[in-house]
Amino acid sequence: MAENPTPRAAATPARSSQPWLHQHGKEIQAFGTVRQFPIALAYETRMYACQRLNQLLADTQILYALYKKHHWLMRGATFYQLHLLLDKHADEQLALVDKIAERVQTLGGIAVSDPRHVAELTTVPRPPDGCEEVPAMLSRLLEAHEVILSNAH
């Protein structure tokens, strides 16, 4: 025969370290919109700035990924030096990604972050899935920087 719990035990919710899985929330702000913040910038100005920054953010995230890809695929006599250099540049791009995303959020927007969405927005040309020769990889990185600079101007 099962024992009845005491009244105190029945009233106290069970504590558990089990995570709550499969949670879904209601979207409270759509991408491409900005919230009203008292920062002395007009709505249109903040919208435009967030659109431009999100473009820059998408391109910078792709540039970061290119640096990491080429870092992993580097080969040849200058492997070690280029491997280290590309990793350093990747770290610098990652720091920029964070700063740009935070600026979008500060303006009341939503920073692009999902890799699939980033891929839709970027203007940096997609590299081949395989490995290119070292000069082509380095050239691709320079061209990606040029695309970003051109868009920024």
C-alpha atoms as a PDB file:
ATOM      1  CA  MET A   1       0.000   0.000   0.000  1.00  0.00           C
ATOM      2  CA  ALA A   2       1.394   3.433  -0.994  1.00  0.00           C
ATOM      3  CA  GLU A   3       1.924   6.002   1.680  1.00  0.00           C
ATOM      4  CA  ASN A   4       0.191   9.340   1.424  1.00  0.00           C
ATOM      5  CA  PRO A   5       2.555  12.295   1.270  1.00  0.00           C
ATOM      6  CA  THR A   6       2.496  14.687   4.161  1.00  0.00           C
ATOM      7  CA  PRO A   7       0.546  17.905   3.561  1.00  0.00           C
ATOM      8  CA  ARG A   8       3.785  19.929   3.553  1.00  0.00           C
ATOM      9  CA  ALA A   9       5.433  17.722   0.924  1.00  0.00           C
ATOM     10  CA  ALA A  10       2.390  17.935  -1.339  1.00  0.00           C
ATOM     11  CA  ALA A  11       2.394  21.756  -1.249  1.00  0.00           C
ATOM     12  CA  THR A  12       6.111  22.150  -2.026  1.00  0.00           C
ATOM     13  CA  PRO A  13       7.016  21.807  -5.721  1.00  0.00           C
ATOM     14  CA  ALA A  14       9.666  19.243  -6.468  1.00  0.00           C
ATOM     15  CA  ARG A  15      13.066  20.704  -7.263  1.00  0.00           C
ATOM     16  CA  SER A  16      15.003  19.248 -10.114  1.00  0.00           C
ATOM     17  CA  SER A  17      18.129  20.023 -12.064  1.00  0.00           C
ATOM     18  CA  GLN A  18      16.456  18.622 -15.170  1.00  0.00           C
ATOM     19  CA  PRO A  19      16.363  21.309 -17.913  1.00  0.00           C
ATOM     20  CA  TRP A  20      13.042  22.306 -19.414  1.00  0.00           C
ATOM     21  CA  LEU A  21      13.328  20.942 -22.918  1.00  0.00           C
ATOM     22  CA  HIS A  22      11.458  21.803 -26.114  1.00  0.00           C
ATOM     23  CA  GLN A  23      10.503  25.304 -25.007  1.00  0.00           C
ATOM     24  CA  HIS A  24       9.344  27.768 -27.651  1.00  0.00           C
ATOM     25  CA  GLY A  25       8.568  31.403 -27.063  1.00  0.00           C
ATOM     26  CA  LYS A  26       6.532  33.942 -28.918  1.00  0.00           C
ATOM     27  CA  GLU A  27       8.617  36.219 -31.161  1.00  0.00           C
ATOM     28  CA  ILE A  28       8.542  39.591 -29.433  1.00  0.00           C
ATOM     29  CA  GLN A  29      10.429  41.596 -32.070  1.00  0.00           C
ATOM     30  CA  ALA A  30      10.755  40.830 -35.767  1.00  0.00           C
ATOM     31  CA  PHE A  31      14.047  41.071 -37.603  1.00  0.00           C
ATOM     32  CA  GLY A  32      14.202  44.321 -39.578  1.00  0.00           C
ATOM     33  CA  THR A  33      12.377  46.362 -36.947  1.00  0.00           C
ATOM     34  CA  VAL A  34      13.674  48.680 -34.243  1.00  0.00           C
ATOM     35  CA  ARG A  35      12.343  49.380 -30.784  1.00  0.00           C
ATOM     36  CA  GLN A  36      11.837  52.916 -29.582  1.00  0.00           C
ATOM     37  CA  PHE A  37      14.732  53.983 -27.390  1.00  0.00           C
ATOM     38  CA  PRO A  38      15.315  57.450 -25.929  1.00  0.00           C
ATOM     39  CA  ILE A  39      18.692  57.926 -27.632  1.00  0.00           C
ATOM     40  CA  ALA A  40      17.952  61.110 -29.597  1.00  0.00           C
ATOM     41  CA  LEU A  41      18.002  59.394 -33.000  1.00  0.00           C
ATOM     42  CA  ALA A  42      15.012  59.364 -35.297  1.00  0.00           C
ATOM     43  CA  TYR A  43      13.291  56.065 -36.057  1.00  0.00           C
ATOM     44  CA  GLU A  44      14.253  56.255 -39.753  1.00  0.00           C
ATOM     45  CA  THR A  45      17.891  56.923 -38.861  1.00  0.00           C
ATOM     46  CA  ARG A  46      18.003  53.932 -36.535  1.00  0.00           C
ATOM     47  CA  MET A  47      16.266  51.694 -39.104  1.00  0.00           C
ATOM     48  CA  TYR A  48      18.752  52.669 -41.808  1.00  0.00           C
ATOM     49  CA  ALA A  49      21.725  52.244 -39.471  1.00  0.00           C
ATOM     50  CA  CYS A  50      20.533  48.800 -38.365  1.00  0.00           C
ATOM     51  CA  GLN A  51      20.037  47.675 -41.976  1.00  0.00           C
ATOM     52  CA  ARG A  52      23.537  48.808 -42.955  1.00  0.00           C
ATOM     53  CA  LEU A  53      25.106  47.382 -39.806  1.00  0.00           C
ATOM     54  CA  ASN A  54      23.371  44.038 -40.314  1.00  0.00           C
ATOM     55  CA  GLN A  55      24.796  43.899 -43.842  1.00  0.00           C
ATOM     56  CA  LEU A  56      28.239  44.621 -42.430  1.00  0.00           C
ATOM     57  CA  LEU A  57      27.632  42.068 -39.679  1.00  0.00           C
ATOM     58  CA  ALA A  58      26.674  39.320 -42.138  1.00  0.00           C
ATOM     59  CA  ASP A  59      29.711  40.020 -44.316  1.00  0.00           C
ATOM     60  CA  THR A  60      32.025  40.148 -41.297  1.00  0.00           C
ATOM     61  CA  GLN A  61      30.704  36.811 -40.021  1.00  0.00           C
ATOM     62  CA  ILE A  62      31.383  35.280 -43.433  1.00  0.00           C
ATOM     63  CA  LEU A  63      34.871  36.806 -43.462  1.00  0.00           C
ATOM     64  CA  TYR A  64      35.510  35.277 -40.035  1.00  0.00           C
ATOM     65  CA  ALA A  65      34.406  31.873 -41.384  1.00  0.00           C
ATOM     66  CA  LEU A  66      36.667  32.291 -44.431  1.00  0.00           C
ATOM     67  CA  TYR A  67      39.633  33.040 -42.193  1.00  0.00           C
ATOM     68  CA  LYS A  68      38.936  29.907 -40.143  1.00  0.00           C
ATOM     69  CA  LYS A  69      38.446  27.749 -43.253  1.00  0.00           C
ATOM     70  CA  HIS A  70      41.690  28.943 -44.815  1.00  0.00           C
ATOM     71  CA  HIS A  71      43.464  28.636 -41.451  1.00  0.00           C
ATOM     72  CA  TRP A  72      42.484  24.961 -41.326  1.00  0.00           C
ATOM     73  CA  LEU A  73      43.312  24.291 -44.980  1.00  0.00           C
ATOM     74  CA  MET A  74      46.639  26.130 -45.148  1.00  0.00           C
ATOM     75  CA  ARG A  75      49.503  24.067 -46.570  1.00  0.00           C
ATOM     76  CA  GLY A  76      52.959  24.338 -48.022  1.00  0.00           C
ATOM     77  CA  ALA A  77      56.295  25.743 -46.905  1.00  0.00           C
ATOM     78  CA  THR A  78      54.724  28.768 -45.181  1.00  0.00           C
ATOM     79  CA  PHE A  79      52.023  26.688 -43.473  1.00  0.00           C
ATOM     80  CA  TYR A  80      52.945  27.509 -39.894  1.00  0.00           C
ATOM     81  CA  GLN A  81      53.306  31.286 -40.341  1.00  0.00           C
ATOM     82  CA  LEU A  82      50.112  31.596 -42.407  1.00  0.00           C
ATOM     83  CA  HIS A  83      48.219  29.248 -40.081  1.00  0.00           C
ATOM     84  CA  LEU A  84      49.014  31.519 -37.126  1.00  0.00           C
ATOM     85  CA  LEU A  85      48.384  34.730 -39.080  1.00  0.00           C
ATOM     86  CA  LEU A  86      44.971  33.633 -40.341  1.00  0.00           C
ATOM     87  CA  ASP A  87      43.937  32.532 -36.865  1.00  0.00           C
ATOM     88  CA  LYS A  88      44.935  35.949 -35.494  1.00  0.00           C
ATOM     89  CA  HIS A  89      42.895  37.709 -38.176  1.00  0.00           C
ATOM     90  CA  ALA A  90      39.938  35.394 -37.487  1.00  0.00           C
ATOM     91  CA  ASP A  91      40.046  36.376 -33.810  1.00  0.00           C
ATOM     92  CA  GLU A  92      40.039  40.063 -34.792  1.00  0.00           C
ATOM     93  CA  GLN A  93      37.024  39.514 -37.057  1.00  0.00           C
ATOM     94  CA  LEU A  94      35.197  37.719 -34.254  1.00  0.00           C
ATOM     95  CA  ALA A  95      35.765  40.713 -31.968  1.00  0.00           C
ATOM     96  CA  LEU A  96      34.326  42.968 -34.695  1.00  0.00           C
ATOM     97  CA  VAL A  97      31.296  40.697 -35.060  1.00  0.00           C
ATOM     98  CA  ASP A  98      30.523  41.164 -31.377  1.00  0.00           C
ATOM     99  CA  LYS A  99      30.935  44.945 -31.506  1.00  0.00           C
ATOM    100  CA  ILE A 100      28.751  45.338 -34.610  1.00  0.00           C
ATOM    101  CA  ALA A 101      26.032  43.077 -33.185  1.00  0.00           C
ATOM    102  CA  GLU A 102      26.008  45.025 -29.928  1.00  0.00           C
ATOM    103  CA  ARG A 103      25.680  48.299 -31.854  1.00  0.00           C
ATOM    104  CA  VAL A 104      22.619  46.964 -33.706  1.00  0.00           C
ATOM    105  CA  GLN A 105      21.066  45.971 -30.389  1.00  0.00           C
ATOM    106  CA  THR A 106      21.900  49.386 -28.886  1.00  0.00           C
ATOM    107  CA  LEU A 107      19.992  51.054 -31.716  1.00  0.00           C
ATOM    108  CA  GLY A 108      16.939  48.894 -30.939  1.00  0.00           C
ATOM    109  CA  GLY A 109      17.362  46.428 -33.788  1.00  0.00           C
ATOM    110  CA  ILE A 110      17.900  42.698 -34.009  1.00  0.00           C
ATOM    111  CA  ALA A 111      21.412  41.604 -34.986  1.00  0.00           C
ATOM    112  CA  VAL A 112      21.601  38.935 -37.684  1.00  0.00           C
ATOM    113  CA  SER A 113      23.047  35.821 -36.099  1.00  0.00           C
ATOM    114  CA  ASP A 114      21.660  32.582 -37.498  1.00  0.00           C
ATOM    115  CA  PRO A 115      24.209  31.219 -40.006  1.00  0.00           C
ATOM    116  CA  ARG A 116      21.469  30.494 -42.542  1.00  0.00           C
ATOM    117  CA  HIS A 117      20.224  34.072 -42.342  1.00  0.00           C
ATOM    118  CA  VAL A 118      23.789  35.377 -42.547  1.00  0.00           C
ATOM    119  CA  ALA A 119      24.288  33.337 -45.734  1.00  0.00           C
ATOM    120  CA  GLU A 120      21.164  34.937 -47.233  1.00  0.00           C
ATOM    121  CA  LEU A 121      22.336  38.482 -46.474  1.00  0.00           C
ATOM    122  CA  THR A 122      26.053  38.367 -47.246  1.00  0.00           C
ATOM    123  CA  THR A 123      27.525  39.946 -50.357  1.00  0.00           C
ATOM    124  CA  VAL A 124      30.858  38.124 -49.950  1.00  0.00           C
ATOM    125  CA  PRO A 125      31.140  35.504 -52.726  1.00  0.00           C
ATOM    126  CA  ARG A 126      30.948  31.900 -51.587  1.00  0.00           C
ATOM    127  CA  PRO A 127      34.204  29.952 -51.871  1.00  0.00           C
ATOM    128  CA  PRO A 128      34.342  26.427 -53.250  1.00  0.00           C
ATOM    129  CA  ASP A 129      33.583  23.695 -50.735  1.00  0.00           C
ATOM    130  CA  GLY A 130      37.010  22.134 -51.265  1.00  0.00           C
ATOM    131  CA  CYS A 131      40.525  23.450 -50.830  1.00  0.00           C
ATOM    132  CA  GLU A 132      42.081  25.983 -53.185  1.00  0.00           C
ATOM    133  CA  GLU A 133      45.747  26.709 -53.716  1.00  0.00           C
ATOM    134  CA  VAL A 134      47.304  28.992 -51.099  1.00  0.00           C
ATOM    135  CA  PRO A 135      47.552  32.118 -53.343  1.00  0.00           C
ATOM    136  CA  ALA A 136      43.874  31.731 -54.260  1.00  0.00           C
ATOM    137  CA  MET A 137      42.864  31.463 -50.597  1.00  0.00           C
ATOM    138  CA  LEU A 138      44.802  34.615 -49.722  1.00  0.00           C
ATOM    139  CA  SER A 139      43.373  36.431 -52.730  1.00  0.00           C
ATOM    140  CA  ARG A 140      39.852  35.402 -51.703  1.00  0.00           C
ATOM    141  CA  LEU A 141      40.401  36.939 -48.254  1.00  0.00           C
ATOM    142  CA  LEU A 142      41.632  40.213 -49.770  1.00  0.00           C
ATOM    143  CA  GLU A 143      38.639  40.320 -52.114  1.00  0.00           C
ATOM    144  CA  ALA A 144      36.259  39.728 -49.199  1.00  0.00           C
ATOM    145  CA  HIS A 145      37.795  42.698 -47.383  1.00  0.00           C
ATOM    146  CA  GLU A 146      37.353  44.787 -50.526  1.00  0.00           C
ATOM    147  CA  VAL A 147      33.671  43.822 -50.789  1.00  0.00           C
ATOM    148  CA  ILE A 148      33.112  44.851 -47.173  1.00  0.00           C
ATOM    149  CA  LEU A 149      34.974  48.139 -47.599  1.00  0.00           C
ATOM    150  CA  SER A 150      33.072  48.948 -50.787  1.00  0.00           C
ATOM    151  CA  ASN A 151      29.746  48.299 -49.061  1.00  0.00           C
ATOM    152  CA  ALA A 152      30.793  50.406 -46.082  1.00  0.00           C
ATOM    153  CA  HIS A 153      31.623  53.373 -48.270  1.00  0.00           C
END
